[in-house]
Amino acid sequence: MADEVNSTLGLLNGIAKREYYGNAEITDEFLKQELFPDYPEQEFESVHSKCSHILKTIASSGMDDTQLGAYLTSQAKKKGGITEKQATAFSKFWKNNKTKIHNVLVSRTTFGTTLKSVSWRIDVKAQSKTVDQINTPAAIVELQLTNKTDPQKGDQVIQFEMDEEKLTSLTNSLKEIEQRLQSYVK
């Protein structure tokens, strides 16, 4: 089938829209009519099931290009696996949708309050109770937090000021957090 790549891409987009983006209007019947009208029902169900399973595996694993290539090669070599054209469609689809699907999965699994944005600026004190604090820089930080468990509460904004000493302490703590996270990744 010369159009197998496009049909598979369409099927993957349909599955993603329904499963990850919440579009309930996309049904299996709609996908079959639009993309595989000549397929018998059983053959379409087989292709749909295979594509859905492989997409869920790729998404839940958060595969990079190398992992994806190896996984699709193994699926293509498997008896009853996918074709080379379907593997090409998966590669194209994942290249274009990896970040969006990843963000949806992360948002589904995030509970409680999360950091939405950070903004900051540097101010120089022009007035102070003591002369030695005049003309000292201070970082003004604003954190915007969002509550995933109770969206009605709206966003919460926290503002605070840090001098050079506090900023250095915060930076060192963040470096330590980064190092610990990296030790889990390796």
N, C-alpha and C. Protein backbone atom coordinates (compact mmCIF):
# COMPACT_ATOMS: atom_id res chain seq x y z
N MET A 1 0.85 -1.18 0.00
CA MET A 1 0.00 0.00 0.00
C MET A 1 0.90 1.24 0.00
N ALA A 2 0.82 2.02 -1.05
CA ALA A 2 1.67 3.21 -1.21
C ALA A 2 1.34 4.26 -0.16
N ASP A 3 0.12 4.27 0.32
CA ASP A 3 -0.33 5.28 1.25
C ASP A 3 -0.25 4.80 2.70
N GLU A 4 0.45 3.70 2.93
CA GLU A 4 0.50 3.10 4.26
C GLU A 4 1.12 4.02 5.30
N VAL A 5 2.13 4.79 4.93
CA VAL A 5 2.76 5.71 5.87
C VAL A 5 1.74 6.77 6.32
N ASN A 6 1.04 7.37 5.34
CA ASN A 6 0.07 8.42 5.68
C ASN A 6 -1.11 7.87 6.47
N SER A 7 -1.59 6.68 6.11
CA SER A 7 -2.70 6.08 6.85
C SER A 7 -2.30 5.78 8.29
N THR A 8 -1.09 5.27 8.46
CA THR A 8 -0.60 4.96 9.80
C THR A 8 -0.39 6.25 10.60
N LEU A 9 0.15 7.27 9.94
CA LEU A 9 0.30 8.57 10.61
C LEU A 9 -1.05 9.11 11.05
N GLY A 10 -2.04 9.01 10.19
CA GLY A 10 -3.39 9.46 10.53
C GLY A 10 -3.96 8.68 11.70
N LEU A 11 -3.74 7.38 11.70
CA LEU A 11 -4.21 6.54 12.80
C LEU A 11 -3.53 6.93 14.11
N LEU A 12 -2.22 7.13 14.06
CA LEU A 12 -1.49 7.53 15.27
C LEU A 12 -1.97 8.89 15.78
N ASN A 13 -2.19 9.82 14.87
CA ASN A 13 -2.71 11.13 15.27
C ASN A 13 -4.09 11.00 15.90
N GLY A 14 -4.93 10.15 15.32
CA GLY A 14 -6.27 9.93 15.87
C GLY A 14 -6.22 9.31 17.25
N ILE A 15 -5.38 8.31 17.41
CA ILE A 15 -5.23 7.66 18.72
C ILE A 15 -4.72 8.67 19.74
N ALA A 16 -3.72 9.46 19.35
CA ALA A 16 -3.14 10.45 20.27
C ALA A 16 -4.17 11.51 20.66
N LYS A 17 -4.96 11.97 19.69
CA LYS A 17 -5.96 12.99 20.00
C LYS A 17 -6.99 12.46 20.99
N ARG A 18 -7.36 11.20 20.83
CA ARG A 18 -8.35 10.63 21.74
C ARG A 18 -7.74 10.29 23.10
N GLU A 19 -6.61 9.60 23.09
CA GLU A 19 -6.03 9.08 24.34
C GLU A 19 -5.29 10.14 25.15
N TYR A 20 -4.62 11.07 24.48
CA TYR A 20 -3.77 12.02 25.20
C TYR A 20 -4.33 13.43 25.25
N TYR A 21 -5.10 13.82 24.23
CA TYR A 21 -5.60 15.18 24.18
C TYR A 21 -7.08 15.29 24.49
N GLY A 22 -7.74 14.17 24.79
CA GLY A 22 -9.11 14.18 25.27
C GLY A 22 -10.20 14.44 24.24
N ASN A 23 -9.94 14.18 22.97
CA ASN A 23 -10.95 14.40 21.94
C ASN A 23 -11.79 13.12 21.79
N ALA A 24 -12.93 13.09 22.46
CA ALA A 24 -13.79 11.90 22.48
C ALA A 24 -14.55 11.71 21.17
N GLU A 25 -14.54 12.71 20.30
CA GLU A 25 -15.25 12.61 19.02
C GLU A 25 -14.57 11.64 18.06
N ILE A 26 -13.32 11.35 18.30
CA ILE A 26 -12.59 10.44 17.41
C ILE A 26 -12.83 9.01 17.89
N THR A 27 -13.59 8.27 17.12
CA THR A 27 -13.93 6.89 17.47
C THR A 27 -13.18 5.94 16.53
N ASP A 28 -13.17 4.67 16.91
CA ASP A 28 -12.55 3.66 16.04
C ASP A 28 -13.26 3.60 14.69
N GLU A 29 -14.58 3.71 14.71
CA GLU A 29 -15.35 3.67 13.47
C GLU A 29 -14.95 4.83 12.54
N PHE A 30 -14.79 6.01 13.12
CA PHE A 30 -14.37 7.18 12.35
C PHE A 30 -12.99 6.95 11.73
N LEU A 31 -12.06 6.44 12.52
CA LEU A 31 -10.71 6.18 12.03
C LEU A 31 -10.72 5.16 10.90
N LYS A 32 -11.52 4.11 11.05
CA LYS A 32 -11.60 3.09 10.01
C LYS A 32 -12.17 3.67 8.73
N GLN A 33 -13.27 4.42 8.83
CA GLN A 33 -13.91 5.01 7.65
C GLN A 33 -12.97 5.96 6.92
N GLU A 34 -12.27 6.79 7.67
CA GLU A 34 -11.42 7.82 7.07
C GLU A 34 -10.09 7.29 6.56
N LEU A 35 -9.52 6.33 7.27
CA LEU A 35 -8.14 5.93 6.96
C LEU A 35 -8.01 4.53 6.33
N PHE A 36 -8.87 3.63 6.71
CA PHE A 36 -8.78 2.25 6.24
C PHE A 36 -10.14 1.75 5.75
N PRO A 37 -10.77 2.43 4.82
CA PRO A 37 -12.13 2.03 4.42
C PRO A 37 -12.18 0.66 3.74
N ASP A 38 -11.07 0.24 3.10
CA ASP A 38 -11.07 -1.04 2.39
C ASP A 38 -10.68 -2.23 3.26
N TYR A 39 -10.26 -1.97 4.48
CA TYR A 39 -9.83 -3.05 5.36
C TYR A 39 -11.04 -3.76 5.96
N PRO A 40 -10.99 -5.08 6.05
CA PRO A 40 -12.04 -5.79 6.81
C PRO A 40 -11.94 -5.37 8.29
N GLU A 41 -13.02 -5.47 9.00
CA GLU A 41 -13.07 -5.03 10.40
C GLU A 41 -11.98 -5.67 11.25
N GLN A 42 -11.78 -6.97 11.08
CA GLN A 42 -10.79 -7.69 11.89
C GLN A 42 -9.37 -7.20 11.61
N GLU A 43 -9.06 -6.93 10.35
CA GLU A 43 -7.73 -6.44 9.99
C GLU A 43 -7.50 -5.04 10.56
N PHE A 44 -8.52 -4.18 10.48
CA PHE A 44 -8.40 -2.84 11.05
C PHE A 44 -8.18 -2.91 12.55
N GLU A 45 -8.95 -3.77 13.23
CA GLU A 45 -8.80 -3.92 14.68
C GLU A 45 -7.40 -4.38 15.04
N SER A 46 -6.83 -5.25 14.24
CA SER A 46 -5.47 -5.73 14.47
C SER A 46 -4.45 -4.58 14.34
N VAL A 47 -4.57 -3.81 13.25
CA VAL A 47 -3.66 -2.68 13.03
C VAL A 47 -3.83 -1.63 14.13
N HIS A 48 -5.09 -1.33 14.47
CA HIS A 48 -5.38 -0.34 15.51
C HIS A 48 -4.80 -0.78 16.85
N SER A 49 -5.03 -2.02 17.21
CA SER A 49 -4.55 -2.54 18.48
C SER A 49 -3.03 -2.50 18.55
N LYS A 50 -2.39 -2.92 17.47
CA LYS A 50 -0.92 -2.92 17.40
C LYS A 50 -0.38 -1.51 17.55
N CYS A 51 -0.94 -0.58 16.78
CA CYS A 51 -0.47 0.82 16.82
C CYS A 51 -0.72 1.44 18.19
N SER A 52 -1.87 1.18 18.77
CA SER A 52 -2.21 1.73 20.07
C SER A 52 -1.25 1.21 21.14
N HIS A 53 -0.99 -0.09 21.11
CA HIS A 53 -0.08 -0.69 22.09
C HIS A 53 1.34 -0.14 21.94
N ILE A 54 1.83 -0.07 20.72
CA ILE A 54 3.18 0.43 20.48
C ILE A 54 3.29 1.90 20.90
N LEU A 55 2.28 2.70 20.57
CA LEU A 55 2.29 4.12 20.95
C LEU A 55 2.31 4.28 22.47
N LYS A 56 1.51 3.50 23.18
CA LYS A 56 1.50 3.58 24.64
C LYS A 56 2.86 3.19 25.22
N THR A 57 3.50 2.19 24.64
CA THR A 57 4.82 1.77 25.09
C THR A 57 5.85 2.87 24.86
N ILE A 58 5.83 3.46 23.68
CA ILE A 58 6.77 4.53 23.35
C ILE A 58 6.55 5.73 24.26
N ALA A 59 5.29 6.11 24.45
CA ALA A 59 4.97 7.29 25.27
C ALA A 59 5.32 7.08 26.73
N SER A 60 4.97 5.93 27.28
CA SER A 60 5.24 5.70 28.70
C SER A 60 6.72 5.55 28.98
N SER A 61 7.48 5.13 27.98
CA SER A 61 8.93 5.00 28.14
C SER A 61 9.65 6.31 27.85
N GLY A 62 8.99 7.23 27.16
CA GLY A 62 9.63 8.50 26.80
C GLY A 62 10.87 8.28 25.94
N MET A 63 10.74 7.43 24.94
CA MET A 63 11.90 7.02 24.15
C MET A 63 12.53 8.17 23.38
N ASP A 64 13.87 8.15 23.35
CA ASP A 64 14.58 9.09 22.48
C ASP A 64 14.72 8.44 21.11
N ASP A 65 15.36 9.12 20.16
CA ASP A 65 15.44 8.62 18.79
C ASP A 65 16.15 7.28 18.68
N THR A 66 17.21 7.11 19.44
CA THR A 66 17.97 5.85 19.39
C THR A 66 17.13 4.69 19.92
N GLN A 67 16.51 4.91 21.07
CA GLN A 67 15.66 3.87 21.67
C GLN A 67 14.49 3.54 20.75
N LEU A 68 13.90 4.58 20.17
CA LEU A 68 12.77 4.38 19.27
C LEU A 68 13.18 3.54 18.07
N GLY A 69 14.33 3.87 17.48
CA GLY A 69 14.81 3.11 16.32
C GLY A 69 15.00 1.63 16.65
N ALA A 70 15.62 1.37 17.78
CA ALA A 70 15.86 -0.03 18.19
C ALA A 70 14.53 -0.74 18.46
N TYR A 71 13.61 -0.05 19.14
CA TYR A 71 12.32 -0.66 19.46
C TYR A 71 11.52 -0.95 18.20
N LEU A 72 11.48 0.00 17.27
CA LEU A 72 10.72 -0.21 16.04
C LEU A 72 11.34 -1.31 15.18
N THR A 73 12.65 -1.39 15.18
CA THR A 73 13.32 -2.48 14.44
C THR A 73 12.92 -3.83 15.02
N SER A 74 12.89 -3.91 16.34
CA SER A 74 12.50 -5.19 16.97
C SER A 74 11.04 -5.52 16.67
N GLN A 75 10.18 -4.48 16.63
CA GLN A 75 8.77 -4.71 16.31
C GLN A 75 8.58 -5.12 14.85
N ALA A 76 9.42 -4.60 13.96
CA ALA A 76 9.33 -4.94 12.54
C ALA A 76 9.82 -6.36 12.28
N LYS A 77 10.78 -6.83 13.07
CA LYS A 77 11.32 -8.18 12.88
C LYS A 77 10.44 -9.25 13.51
N LYS A 78 9.59 -8.83 14.43
CA LYS A 78 8.70 -9.75 15.13
C LYS A 78 7.68 -10.34 14.17
N LYS A 79 7.35 -11.60 14.34
CA LYS A 79 6.30 -12.21 13.52
C LYS A 79 4.97 -11.53 13.87
N GLY A 80 4.28 -11.05 12.85
CA GLY A 80 3.03 -10.33 13.08
C GLY A 80 3.26 -8.91 13.57
N GLY A 81 4.49 -8.42 13.41
CA GLY A 81 4.83 -7.07 13.87
C GLY A 81 4.44 -6.02 12.85
N ILE A 82 5.09 -4.90 12.92
CA ILE A 82 4.77 -3.78 12.04
C ILE A 82 5.63 -3.84 10.77
N THR A 83 5.17 -3.14 9.74
CA THR A 83 5.93 -3.08 8.49
C THR A 83 6.95 -1.95 8.56
N GLU A 84 7.86 -1.91 7.61
CA GLU A 84 8.85 -0.84 7.55
C GLU A 84 8.17 0.52 7.36
N LYS A 85 7.11 0.55 6.54
CA LYS A 85 6.39 1.81 6.32
C LYS A 85 5.70 2.27 7.61
N GLN A 86 5.17 1.34 8.37
CA GLN A 86 4.56 1.70 9.64
C GLN A 86 5.62 2.20 10.61
N ALA A 87 6.79 1.58 10.59
CA ALA A 87 7.89 2.04 11.45
C ALA A 87 8.29 3.46 11.07
N THR A 88 8.31 3.76 9.78
CA THR A 88 8.61 5.12 9.31
C THR A 88 7.56 6.09 9.83
N ALA A 89 6.31 5.69 9.79
CA ALA A 89 5.22 6.54 10.28
C ALA A 89 5.37 6.81 11.78
N PHE A 90 5.72 5.77 12.55
CA PHE A 90 5.94 5.95 13.99
C PHE A 90 7.07 6.94 14.24
N SER A 91 8.16 6.81 13.49
CA SER A 91 9.29 7.73 13.66
C SER A 91 8.88 9.17 13.39
N LYS A 92 8.18 9.40 12.29
CA LYS A 92 7.72 10.76 11.97
C LYS A 92 6.78 11.29 13.04
N PHE A 93 5.84 10.44 13.43
CA PHE A 93 4.85 10.85 14.43
C PHE A 93 5.54 11.22 15.75
N TRP A 94 6.44 10.37 16.21
CA TRP A 94 7.07 10.59 17.51
C TRP A 94 7.97 11.82 17.48
N LYS A 95 8.63 12.05 16.36
CA LYS A 95 9.48 13.23 16.22
C LYS A 95 8.65 14.50 16.39
N ASN A 96 7.44 14.51 15.86
CA ASN A 96 6.58 15.70 15.92
C ASN A 96 5.75 15.81 17.20
N ASN A 97 5.53 14.72 17.92
CA ASN A 97 4.59 14.73 19.04
C ASN A 97 5.18 14.36 20.39
N LYS A 98 6.45 14.01 20.43
CA LYS A 98 7.06 13.53 21.67
C LYS A 98 6.88 14.53 22.82
N THR A 99 7.22 15.77 22.60
CA THR A 99 7.15 16.77 23.66
C THR A 99 5.72 17.00 24.13
N LYS A 100 4.78 17.11 23.20
CA LYS A 100 3.38 17.35 23.58
C LYS A 100 2.83 16.19 24.40
N ILE A 101 3.07 14.97 23.95
CA ILE A 101 2.56 13.80 24.68
C ILE A 101 3.24 13.70 26.04
N HIS A 102 4.54 13.95 26.08
CA HIS A 102 5.26 13.92 27.36
C HIS A 102 4.64 14.92 28.34
N ASN A 103 4.35 16.13 27.87
CA ASN A 103 3.77 17.15 28.74
C ASN A 103 2.38 16.74 29.25
N VAL A 104 1.60 16.10 28.39
CA VAL A 104 0.28 15.62 28.81
C VAL A 104 0.43 14.55 29.89
N LEU A 105 1.34 13.61 29.69
CA LEU A 105 1.54 12.55 30.68
C LEU A 105 2.05 13.12 32.01
N VAL A 106 2.94 14.09 31.95
CA VAL A 106 3.44 14.72 33.18
C VAL A 106 2.31 15.44 33.90
N SER A 107 1.50 16.18 33.16
CA SER A 107 0.40 16.92 33.80
C SER A 107 -0.62 15.96 34.42
N ARG A 108 -0.80 14.81 33.82
CA ARG A 108 -1.74 13.82 34.38
C ARG A 108 -1.22 13.21 35.68
N THR A 109 0.07 13.17 35.84
CA THR A 109 0.66 12.51 37.01
C THR A 109 1.15 13.48 38.06
N THR A 110 0.92 14.77 37.86
CA THR A 110 1.35 15.78 38.82
C THR A 110 0.20 16.10 39.75
N PHE A 111 0.47 16.02 41.04
CA PHE A 111 -0.55 16.30 42.05
C PHE A 111 -0.08 17.45 42.92
N GLY A 112 -1.01 18.16 43.49
CA GLY A 112 -0.67 19.23 44.40
C GLY A 112 -0.20 20.48 43.67
N THR A 113 0.56 21.27 44.37
CA THR A 113 1.04 22.54 43.85
C THR A 113 2.31 22.35 43.04
N THR A 114 2.35 22.98 41.88
CA THR A 114 3.54 22.91 41.03
C THR A 114 3.97 24.31 40.63
N LEU A 115 5.23 24.43 40.28
CA LEU A 115 5.79 25.70 39.85
C LEU A 115 5.38 25.96 38.41
N LYS A 116 4.71 27.07 38.18
CA LYS A 116 4.25 27.42 36.84
C LYS A 116 5.28 28.32 36.14
N SER A 117 5.79 29.32 36.87
CA SER A 117 6.79 30.21 36.27
C SER A 117 7.63 30.88 37.35
N VAL A 118 8.78 31.35 36.92
CA VAL A 118 9.70 32.09 37.78
C VAL A 118 10.08 33.37 37.05
N SER A 119 10.02 34.48 37.76
CA SER A 119 10.54 35.73 37.19
C SER A 119 11.37 36.41 38.27
N TRP A 120 12.31 37.23 37.84
CA TRP A 120 13.19 37.89 38.79
C TRP A 120 13.72 39.19 38.20
N ARG A 121 14.25 39.99 39.09
CA ARG A 121 14.92 41.22 38.68
C ARG A 121 15.93 41.57 39.76
N ILE A 122 16.84 42.44 39.44
CA ILE A 122 17.84 42.93 40.40
C ILE A 122 17.51 44.38 40.73
N ASP A 123 17.40 44.67 42.01
CA ASP A 123 17.19 46.03 42.49
C ASP A 123 18.41 46.46 43.30
N VAL A 124 18.68 47.73 43.27
CA VAL A 124 19.74 48.30 44.09
C VAL A 124 19.07 49.20 45.12
N LYS A 125 19.40 48.95 46.39
CA LYS A 125 18.77 49.72 47.47
C LYS A 125 19.27 51.16 47.44
N ALA A 126 18.31 52.08 47.40
CA ALA A 126 18.65 53.50 47.40
C ALA A 126 18.48 54.11 48.79
N GLN A 127 17.68 53.46 49.63
CA GLN A 127 17.47 53.94 51.00
C GLN A 127 17.57 52.76 51.95
N SER A 128 18.07 53.03 53.13
CA SER A 128 18.18 51.98 54.12
C SER A 128 18.34 52.61 55.50
N LYS A 129 18.10 51.82 56.53
CA LYS A 129 18.28 52.31 57.90
C LYS A 129 19.76 52.55 58.20
N THR A 130 20.61 51.73 57.55
CA THR A 130 22.04 51.89 57.77
C THR A 130 22.72 52.25 56.46
N VAL A 131 23.76 53.02 56.53
CA VAL A 131 24.47 53.50 55.35
C VAL A 131 25.13 52.37 54.58
N ASP A 132 25.61 51.34 55.28
CA ASP A 132 26.34 50.26 54.59
C ASP A 132 25.44 49.41 53.70
N GLN A 133 24.11 49.50 53.84
CA GLN A 133 23.20 48.73 52.98
C GLN A 133 22.77 49.50 51.73
N ILE A 134 23.08 50.78 51.65
CA ILE A 134 22.75 51.58 50.47
C ILE A 134 23.62 51.11 49.30
N ASN A 135 23.02 51.05 48.11
CA ASN A 135 23.68 50.63 46.87
C ASN A 135 24.08 49.15 46.86
N THR A 136 23.45 48.35 47.70
CA THR A 136 23.70 46.91 47.64
C THR A 136 22.62 46.26 46.77
N PRO A 137 23.03 45.37 45.87
CA PRO A 137 22.04 44.73 45.00
C PRO A 137 21.25 43.66 45.74
N ALA A 138 20.02 43.47 45.31
CA ALA A 138 19.17 42.42 45.87
C ALA A 138 18.35 41.82 44.73
N ALA A 139 18.19 40.52 44.77
CA ALA A 139 17.38 39.83 43.77
C ALA A 139 15.95 39.77 44.27
N ILE A 140 15.02 40.23 43.45
CA ILE A 140 13.59 40.13 43.75
C ILE A 140 13.05 38.98 42.90
N VAL A 141 12.54 37.96 43.56
CA VAL A 141 12.10 36.74 42.87
C VAL A 141 10.59 36.59 43.04
N GLU A 142 9.94 36.18 41.95
CA GLU A 142 8.50 35.92 41.99
C GLU A 142 8.26 34.52 41.46
N LEU A 143 7.60 33.71 42.27
CA LEU A 143 7.23 32.34 41.89
C LEU A 143 5.73 32.29 41.68
N GLN A 144 5.32 31.74 40.55
CA GLN A 144 3.89 31.55 40.31
C GLN A 144 3.61 30.06 40.43
N LEU A 145 2.74 29.71 41.36
CA LEU A 145 2.41 28.32 41.65
C LEU A 145 0.99 28.04 41.21
N THR A 146 0.75 26.83 40.74
CA THR A 146 -0.60 26.42 40.36
C THR A 146 -0.95 25.15 41.11
N ASN A 147 -2.19 25.04 41.53
CA ASN A 147 -2.66 23.90 42.30
C ASN A 147 -3.38 22.93 41.36
N LYS A 148 -2.79 21.77 41.13
CA LYS A 148 -3.37 20.77 40.22
C LYS A 148 -4.58 20.06 40.83
N THR A 149 -4.61 19.92 42.14
CA THR A 149 -5.71 19.19 42.76
C THR A 149 -6.95 20.05 42.94
N ASP A 150 -6.79 21.37 43.01
CA ASP A 150 -7.94 22.27 43.17
C ASP A 150 -7.76 23.50 42.27
N PRO A 151 -8.07 23.35 40.96
CA PRO A 151 -7.87 24.45 40.02
C PRO A 151 -8.71 25.69 40.33
N GLN A 152 -9.78 25.55 41.12
CA GLN A 152 -10.62 26.69 41.48
C GLN A 152 -9.87 27.71 42.32
N LYS A 153 -8.85 27.26 43.04
CA LYS A 153 -8.07 28.16 43.89
C LYS A 153 -7.30 29.19 43.07
N GLY A 154 -7.02 28.85 41.83
CA GLY A 154 -6.25 29.77 40.99
C GLY A 154 -4.77 29.70 41.31
N ASP A 155 -4.03 30.55 40.65
CA ASP A 155 -2.58 30.57 40.85
C ASP A 155 -2.24 31.36 42.11
N GLN A 156 -1.15 30.94 42.73
CA GLN A 156 -0.64 31.62 43.92
C GLN A 156 0.69 32.27 43.55
N VAL A 157 0.90 33.50 43.96
CA VAL A 157 2.14 34.21 43.66
C VAL A 157 2.90 34.47 44.96
N ILE A 158 4.17 34.09 44.95
CA ILE A 158 5.04 34.32 46.11
C ILE A 158 6.19 35.21 45.65
N GLN A 159 6.39 36.31 46.37
CA GLN A 159 7.49 37.21 46.07
C GLN A 159 8.41 37.29 47.28
N PHE A 160 9.71 37.30 47.00
CA PHE A 160 10.67 37.46 48.09
C PHE A 160 11.94 38.10 47.56
N GLU A 161 12.73 38.60 48.51
CA GLU A 161 13.98 39.30 48.19
C GLU A 161 15.15 38.50 48.75
N MET A 162 16.23 38.48 48.00
CA MET A 162 17.44 37.77 48.47
C MET A 162 18.66 38.66 48.25
N ASP A 163 19.53 38.68 49.25
CA ASP A 163 20.80 39.37 49.06
C ASP A 163 21.79 38.38 48.46
N GLU A 164 23.00 38.82 48.25
CA GLU A 164 24.00 37.98 47.59
C GLU A 164 24.27 36.69 48.36
N GLU A 165 24.31 36.77 49.68
CA GLU A 165 24.58 35.60 50.52
C GLU A 165 23.47 34.55 50.39
N LYS A 166 22.23 35.00 50.46
CA LYS A 166 21.08 34.09 50.35
C LYS A 166 21.00 33.48 48.95
N LEU A 167 21.32 34.29 47.94
CA LEU A 167 21.30 33.81 46.57
C LEU A 167 22.37 32.74 46.36
N THR A 168 23.54 32.94 46.92
CA THR A 168 24.61 31.95 46.83
C THR A 168 24.19 30.64 47.50
N SER A 169 23.56 30.75 48.67
CA SER A 169 23.08 29.56 49.38
C SER A 169 22.04 28.81 48.55
N LEU A 170 21.10 29.56 47.95
CA LEU A 170 20.07 28.94 47.11
C LEU A 170 20.70 28.26 45.89
N THR A 171 21.63 28.94 45.25
CA THR A 171 22.31 28.38 44.08
C THR A 171 23.03 27.09 44.43
N ASN A 172 23.71 27.07 45.56
CA ASN A 172 24.41 25.85 45.98
C ASN A 172 23.43 24.71 46.26
N SER A 173 22.29 25.04 46.87
CA SER A 173 21.27 24.01 47.13
C SER A 173 20.72 23.45 45.83
N LEU A 174 20.48 24.33 44.86
CA LEU A 174 19.97 23.87 43.56
C LEU A 174 21.00 23.00 42.84
N LYS A 175 22.28 23.34 42.95
CA LYS A 175 23.34 22.51 42.35
C LYS A 175 23.37 21.13 42.98
N GLU A 176 23.18 21.08 44.30
CA GLU A 176 23.15 19.79 45.00
C GLU A 176 21.95 18.95 44.54
N ILE A 177 20.80 19.59 44.38
CA ILE A 177 19.61 18.89 43.89
C ILE A 177 19.87 18.35 42.49
N GLU A 178 20.46 19.18 41.64
CA GLU A 178 20.77 18.75 40.27
C GLU A 178 21.71 17.55 40.25
N GLN A 179 22.74 17.57 41.09
CA GLN A 179 23.68 16.46 41.16
C GLN A 179 22.99 15.17 41.61
N ARG A 180 22.11 15.28 42.58
CA ARG A 180 21.40 14.08 43.04
C ARG A 180 20.47 13.54 41.97
N LEU A 181 19.78 14.45 41.28
CA LEU A 181 18.92 14.00 40.18
C LEU A 181 19.73 13.32 39.10
N GLN A 182 20.87 13.89 38.75
CA GLN A 182 21.73 13.30 37.72
C GLN A 182 22.23 11.92 38.14
N SER A 183 22.46 11.71 39.43
CA SER A 183 22.93 10.39 39.87
C SER A 183 21.87 9.32 39.66
N TYR A 184 20.58 9.71 39.67
CA TYR A 184 19.50 8.75 39.41
C TYR A 184 19.33 8.48 37.93
N VAL A 185 19.68 9.45 37.10
CA VAL A 185 19.52 9.30 35.66
C VAL A 185 20.56 8.34 35.10
N LYS A 186 21.75 8.36 35.64
CA LYS A 186 22.86 7.52 35.12
C LYS A 186 22.68 6.08 35.38
